[in-house]
Amino acid sequence: MKKPEARTTAGVRELKARLSHYLGLVKEGRAVYVTERGKEVARLTPAPADKGAEAMWELVRKGIVHWNGEKPRVPAKPIRLHGRGKTASQTVIEMRRESLLRHVRSLKSLR
């Protein structure tokens, strides 16, 4: 079993003096906790690749979604919707058509 790494902390003065060293640790994926007079005041962590990925990882950390580490698979067959009414795409098409008709009518009234 792998031994967990010790928590990395640095005082403000030490962080300023050895910033490159601590940024190297952050680039490796470790968090660096910054202290001031013995109290934790900040945490340096790697920047997320993109906001969508960070939001997804937050959901995983909270236990809202689960991921087994594999690439997500697309279903072989399209998912059939059950129920009545229009799909979202049909509604959007109709709304655009109505908006275009209103615009054309307003242009005609200007003549």
N, C-alpha and C. Protein backbone atom coordinates (compact mmCIF):
# COMPACT_ATOMS: atom_id res chain seq x y z
N MET A 1 0.84 -1.18 0.00
CA MET A 1 0.00 0.00 0.00
C MET A 1 0.88 1.24 0.00
N LYS A 2 0.50 2.23 -0.81
CA LYS A 2 1.30 3.45 -0.93
C LYS A 2 1.07 4.33 0.29
N LYS A 3 2.16 4.82 0.85
CA LYS A 3 2.08 5.71 2.01
C LYS A 3 1.62 7.09 1.56
N PRO A 4 0.62 7.68 2.22
CA PRO A 4 0.16 9.00 1.82
C PRO A 4 1.25 10.05 2.03
N GLU A 5 1.30 11.00 1.09
CA GLU A 5 2.31 12.06 1.19
C GLU A 5 1.95 13.02 2.33
N ALA A 6 2.99 13.54 2.96
CA ALA A 6 2.77 14.51 4.03
C ALA A 6 2.22 15.80 3.42
N ARG A 7 1.43 16.48 4.18
CA ARG A 7 0.84 17.75 3.73
C ARG A 7 1.95 18.79 3.63
N THR A 8 1.99 19.50 2.50
CA THR A 8 3.03 20.50 2.28
C THR A 8 2.52 21.87 2.72
N THR A 9 3.22 22.46 3.68
CA THR A 9 2.88 23.81 4.14
C THR A 9 4.10 24.70 4.00
N ALA A 10 3.82 25.99 3.82
CA ALA A 10 4.91 26.96 3.72
C ALA A 10 4.44 28.28 4.30
N GLY A 11 5.29 28.88 5.09
CA GLY A 11 5.00 30.21 5.59
C GLY A 11 5.16 31.22 4.47
N VAL A 12 4.57 32.38 4.63
CA VAL A 12 4.61 33.41 3.59
C VAL A 12 6.05 33.76 3.23
N ARG A 13 6.90 33.96 4.22
CA ARG A 13 8.29 34.34 3.97
C ARG A 13 9.01 33.24 3.18
N GLU A 14 8.82 31.99 3.60
CA GLU A 14 9.47 30.87 2.92
C GLU A 14 8.93 30.72 1.50
N LEU A 15 7.63 30.91 1.34
CA LEU A 15 7.02 30.81 0.01
C LEU A 15 7.62 31.85 -0.93
N LYS A 16 7.79 33.08 -0.45
CA LYS A 16 8.38 34.13 -1.28
C LYS A 16 9.82 33.77 -1.66
N ALA A 17 10.57 33.22 -0.71
CA ALA A 17 11.98 32.92 -0.96
C ALA A 17 12.15 31.72 -1.89
N ARG A 18 11.21 30.76 -1.85
CA ARG A 18 11.36 29.52 -2.63
C ARG A 18 10.15 29.27 -3.53
N LEU A 19 9.63 30.33 -4.13
CA LEU A 19 8.41 30.24 -4.92
C LEU A 19 8.54 29.21 -6.04
N SER A 20 9.65 29.20 -6.75
CA SER A 20 9.82 28.26 -7.86
C SER A 20 9.71 26.82 -7.38
N HIS A 21 10.29 26.52 -6.23
CA HIS A 21 10.22 25.17 -5.67
C HIS A 21 8.77 24.77 -5.41
N TYR A 22 8.01 25.65 -4.77
CA TYR A 22 6.63 25.32 -4.43
C TYR A 22 5.74 25.25 -5.67
N LEU A 23 6.00 26.11 -6.65
CA LEU A 23 5.25 26.01 -7.90
C LEU A 23 5.53 24.70 -8.62
N GLY A 24 6.76 24.21 -8.48
CA GLY A 24 7.10 22.90 -9.05
C GLY A 24 6.26 21.79 -8.41
N LEU A 25 6.08 21.87 -7.10
CA LEU A 25 5.25 20.87 -6.41
C LEU A 25 3.80 20.96 -6.89
N VAL A 26 3.32 22.17 -7.08
CA VAL A 26 1.94 22.35 -7.55
C VAL A 26 1.80 21.78 -8.96
N LYS A 27 2.79 22.01 -9.82
CA LYS A 27 2.74 21.47 -11.18
C LYS A 27 2.70 19.95 -11.17
N GLU A 28 3.29 19.34 -10.15
CA GLU A 28 3.27 17.88 -10.02
C GLU A 28 1.92 17.38 -9.52
N GLY A 29 1.05 18.31 -9.16
CA GLY A 29 -0.28 17.92 -8.72
C GLY A 29 -0.50 18.00 -7.22
N ARG A 30 0.48 18.44 -6.48
CA ARG A 30 0.33 18.55 -5.03
C ARG A 30 -0.23 19.90 -4.63
N ALA A 31 -0.89 19.94 -3.50
CA ALA A 31 -1.39 21.20 -2.96
C ALA A 31 -0.37 21.73 -1.96
N VAL A 32 -0.21 23.04 -1.94
CA VAL A 32 0.68 23.69 -0.98
C VAL A 32 -0.18 24.62 -0.14
N TYR A 33 -0.16 24.42 1.16
CA TYR A 33 -0.94 25.23 2.09
C TYR A 33 -0.05 26.34 2.62
N VAL A 34 -0.52 27.58 2.48
CA VAL A 34 0.26 28.75 2.89
C VAL A 34 -0.21 29.18 4.27
N THR A 35 0.76 29.41 5.15
CA THR A 35 0.43 29.83 6.52
C THR A 35 1.00 31.21 6.79
N GLU A 36 0.32 31.90 7.71
CA GLU A 36 0.79 33.21 8.17
C GLU A 36 0.66 33.18 9.68
N ARG A 37 1.79 33.31 10.35
CA ARG A 37 1.83 33.22 11.81
C ARG A 37 1.19 31.93 12.33
N GLY A 38 1.47 30.85 11.60
CA GLY A 38 0.98 29.53 12.02
C GLY A 38 -0.44 29.21 11.63
N LYS A 39 -1.18 30.15 11.05
CA LYS A 39 -2.56 29.90 10.64
C LYS A 39 -2.63 29.78 9.12
N GLU A 40 -3.36 28.78 8.68
CA GLU A 40 -3.53 28.56 7.25
C GLU A 40 -4.37 29.68 6.64
N VAL A 41 -3.83 30.29 5.57
CA VAL A 41 -4.53 31.41 4.94
C VAL A 41 -4.84 31.17 3.46
N ALA A 42 -4.17 30.20 2.83
CA ALA A 42 -4.39 29.98 1.41
C ALA A 42 -3.96 28.57 1.03
N ARG A 43 -4.41 28.16 -0.16
CA ARG A 43 -4.00 26.86 -0.69
C ARG A 43 -3.68 27.05 -2.16
N LEU A 44 -2.51 26.60 -2.57
CA LEU A 44 -2.12 26.63 -3.98
C LEU A 44 -2.38 25.25 -4.56
N THR A 45 -3.17 25.20 -5.61
CA THR A 45 -3.48 23.93 -6.28
C THR A 45 -3.29 24.11 -7.77
N PRO A 46 -3.13 23.01 -8.50
CA PRO A 46 -2.98 23.12 -9.95
C PRO A 46 -4.23 23.75 -10.57
N ALA A 47 -4.03 24.55 -11.60
CA ALA A 47 -5.16 25.15 -12.31
C ALA A 47 -5.86 24.06 -13.10
N PRO A 48 -7.19 24.08 -13.13
CA PRO A 48 -7.91 23.07 -13.90
C PRO A 48 -7.68 23.26 -15.39
N ALA A 49 -7.77 22.16 -16.13
CA ALA A 49 -7.58 22.23 -17.58
C ALA A 49 -8.65 23.11 -18.21
N ASP A 50 -9.87 22.96 -17.76
CA ASP A 50 -10.96 23.82 -18.22
C ASP A 50 -12.05 23.83 -17.17
N LYS A 51 -12.92 24.83 -17.24
CA LYS A 51 -13.94 25.00 -16.21
C LYS A 51 -14.94 23.86 -16.20
N GLY A 52 -15.25 23.32 -17.36
CA GLY A 52 -16.19 22.20 -17.43
C GLY A 52 -15.65 20.98 -16.72
N ALA A 53 -14.37 20.70 -16.93
CA ALA A 53 -13.75 19.55 -16.27
C ALA A 53 -13.71 19.76 -14.76
N GLU A 54 -13.39 20.96 -14.33
CA GLU A 54 -13.34 21.24 -12.89
C GLU A 54 -14.72 21.08 -12.26
N ALA A 55 -15.74 21.55 -12.96
CA ALA A 55 -17.11 21.42 -12.44
C ALA A 55 -17.48 19.94 -12.33
N MET A 56 -17.08 19.14 -13.31
CA MET A 56 -17.39 17.70 -13.27
C MET A 56 -16.66 17.03 -12.11
N TRP A 57 -15.38 17.37 -11.91
CA TRP A 57 -14.63 16.78 -10.80
C TRP A 57 -15.22 17.18 -9.45
N GLU A 58 -15.76 18.37 -9.36
CA GLU A 58 -16.41 18.80 -8.12
C GLU A 58 -17.62 17.92 -7.83
N LEU A 59 -18.38 17.59 -8.87
CA LEU A 59 -19.54 16.69 -8.70
C LEU A 59 -19.08 15.30 -8.27
N VAL A 60 -17.96 14.84 -8.81
CA VAL A 60 -17.42 13.53 -8.41
C VAL A 60 -16.99 13.57 -6.95
N ARG A 61 -16.29 14.66 -6.54
CA ARG A 61 -15.84 14.77 -5.14
C ARG A 61 -17.02 14.79 -4.18
N LYS A 62 -18.12 15.44 -4.58
CA LYS A 62 -19.29 15.52 -3.71
C LYS A 62 -20.10 14.22 -3.71
N GLY A 63 -19.76 13.30 -4.60
CA GLY A 63 -20.50 12.03 -4.66
C GLY A 63 -21.80 12.11 -5.44
N ILE A 64 -22.02 13.21 -6.16
CA ILE A 64 -23.25 13.36 -6.93
C ILE A 64 -23.20 12.48 -8.18
N VAL A 65 -22.03 12.40 -8.81
CA VAL A 65 -21.85 11.52 -9.96
C VAL A 65 -20.70 10.57 -9.66
N HIS A 66 -20.69 9.47 -10.38
CA HIS A 66 -19.64 8.47 -10.20
C HIS A 66 -18.96 8.23 -11.54
N TRP A 67 -17.66 7.99 -11.51
CA TRP A 67 -16.90 7.72 -12.72
C TRP A 67 -15.97 6.55 -12.44
N ASN A 68 -15.99 5.57 -13.34
CA ASN A 68 -15.16 4.38 -13.14
C ASN A 68 -13.79 4.51 -13.78
N GLY A 69 -13.46 5.67 -14.33
CA GLY A 69 -12.15 5.89 -14.91
C GLY A 69 -12.07 5.61 -16.39
N GLU A 70 -13.13 5.05 -16.95
CA GLU A 70 -13.12 4.73 -18.38
C GLU A 70 -13.71 5.86 -19.20
N LYS A 71 -13.43 5.79 -20.51
CA LYS A 71 -14.00 6.76 -21.43
C LYS A 71 -15.51 6.55 -21.50
N PRO A 72 -16.29 7.62 -21.40
CA PRO A 72 -17.75 7.45 -21.49
C PRO A 72 -18.14 6.87 -22.84
N ARG A 73 -19.12 5.97 -22.82
CA ARG A 73 -19.58 5.33 -24.05
C ARG A 73 -20.90 5.94 -24.49
N VAL A 74 -21.05 6.05 -25.80
CA VAL A 74 -22.30 6.53 -26.37
C VAL A 74 -23.18 5.31 -26.60
N PRO A 75 -24.46 5.38 -26.27
CA PRO A 75 -25.32 4.22 -26.49
C PRO A 75 -25.35 3.82 -27.96
N ALA A 76 -25.41 2.52 -28.22
CA ALA A 76 -25.43 2.02 -29.60
C ALA A 76 -26.67 2.50 -30.33
N LYS A 77 -27.82 2.46 -29.67
CA LYS A 77 -29.06 2.91 -30.29
C LYS A 77 -29.43 4.27 -29.72
N PRO A 78 -30.03 5.12 -30.54
CA PRO A 78 -30.49 6.41 -30.00
C PRO A 78 -31.53 6.18 -28.90
N ILE A 79 -31.55 7.04 -27.94
CA ILE A 79 -32.51 6.93 -26.85
C ILE A 79 -33.87 7.41 -27.35
N ARG A 80 -34.89 6.59 -27.14
CA ARG A 80 -36.23 6.95 -27.56
C ARG A 80 -36.91 7.72 -26.44
N LEU A 81 -37.51 8.83 -26.79
CA LEU A 81 -38.23 9.63 -25.82
C LEU A 81 -39.67 9.17 -25.78
N HIS A 82 -40.21 9.05 -24.60
CA HIS A 82 -41.60 8.66 -24.44
C HIS A 82 -42.37 9.85 -23.91
N GLY A 83 -43.57 9.98 -24.36
CA GLY A 83 -44.38 11.08 -23.89
C GLY A 83 -44.93 11.87 -25.04
N ARG A 84 -45.67 12.86 -24.70
CA ARG A 84 -46.33 13.68 -25.72
C ARG A 84 -45.65 15.03 -25.79
N GLY A 85 -45.95 15.70 -26.86
CA GLY A 85 -45.43 17.04 -27.00
C GLY A 85 -44.23 17.10 -27.92
N LYS A 86 -43.70 18.27 -28.04
CA LYS A 86 -42.60 18.53 -28.96
C LYS A 86 -41.27 18.32 -28.26
N THR A 87 -40.28 18.03 -29.06
CA THR A 87 -38.93 17.96 -28.52
C THR A 87 -38.40 19.38 -28.38
N ALA A 88 -37.32 19.54 -27.67
CA ALA A 88 -36.73 20.87 -27.48
C ALA A 88 -36.31 21.46 -28.82
N SER A 89 -35.74 20.64 -29.70
CA SER A 89 -35.30 21.17 -30.99
C SER A 89 -36.48 21.64 -31.83
N GLN A 90 -37.61 20.92 -31.78
CA GLN A 90 -38.79 21.37 -32.51
C GLN A 90 -39.29 22.71 -31.97
N THR A 91 -39.27 22.86 -30.67
CA THR A 91 -39.72 24.11 -30.05
C THR A 91 -38.82 25.27 -30.46
N VAL A 92 -37.51 25.06 -30.48
CA VAL A 92 -36.57 26.11 -30.87
C VAL A 92 -36.78 26.50 -32.33
N ILE A 93 -36.99 25.52 -33.20
CA ILE A 93 -37.22 25.82 -34.62
C ILE A 93 -38.48 26.67 -34.77
N GLU A 94 -39.54 26.31 -34.06
CA GLU A 94 -40.78 27.08 -34.14
C GLU A 94 -40.59 28.50 -33.61
N MET A 95 -39.87 28.64 -32.51
CA MET A 95 -39.64 29.97 -31.94
C MET A 95 -38.85 30.84 -32.92
N ARG A 96 -37.86 30.26 -33.56
CA ARG A 96 -37.07 31.02 -34.53
C ARG A 96 -37.93 31.44 -35.72
N ARG A 97 -38.77 30.53 -36.19
CA ARG A 97 -39.64 30.83 -37.32
C ARG A 97 -40.59 31.97 -36.95
N GLU A 98 -41.18 31.91 -35.76
CA GLU A 98 -42.10 32.96 -35.31
C GLU A 98 -41.38 34.31 -35.19
N SER A 99 -40.16 34.28 -34.68
CA SER A 99 -39.38 35.51 -34.54
C SER A 99 -39.08 36.10 -35.90
N LEU A 100 -38.72 35.26 -36.85
CA LEU A 100 -38.43 35.72 -38.21
C LEU A 100 -39.68 36.33 -38.84
N LEU A 101 -40.83 35.68 -38.66
CA LEU A 101 -42.08 36.20 -39.21
C LEU A 101 -42.43 37.56 -38.60
N ARG A 102 -42.25 37.72 -37.30
CA ARG A 102 -42.50 39.02 -36.66
C ARG A 102 -41.59 40.09 -37.24
N HIS A 103 -40.35 39.73 -37.46
CA HIS A 103 -39.38 40.68 -38.02
C HIS A 103 -39.79 41.09 -39.43
N VAL A 104 -40.19 40.13 -40.25
CA VAL A 104 -40.62 40.43 -41.63
C VAL A 104 -41.85 41.32 -41.61
N ARG A 105 -42.80 41.02 -40.73
CA ARG A 105 -44.01 41.84 -40.63
C ARG A 105 -43.68 43.28 -40.24
N SER A 106 -42.74 43.45 -39.31
CA SER A 106 -42.38 44.80 -38.88
C SER A 106 -41.69 45.56 -40.01
N LEU A 107 -40.92 44.86 -40.83
CA LEU A 107 -40.27 45.50 -41.98
C LEU A 107 -41.32 45.92 -43.02
N LYS A 108 -42.32 45.06 -43.22
CA LYS A 108 -43.37 45.39 -44.19
C LYS A 108 -44.18 46.60 -43.72
N SER A 109 -44.39 46.71 -42.43
CA SER A 109 -45.18 47.83 -41.91
C SER A 109 -44.43 49.15 -42.05
N LEU A 110 -43.14 49.12 -42.20
CA LEU A 110 -42.36 50.33 -42.36
C LEU A 110 -42.48 50.91 -43.76
N ARG A 111 -42.92 50.11 -44.71
CA ARG A 111 -43.00 50.57 -46.12
C ARG A 111 -44.12 51.50 -46.33
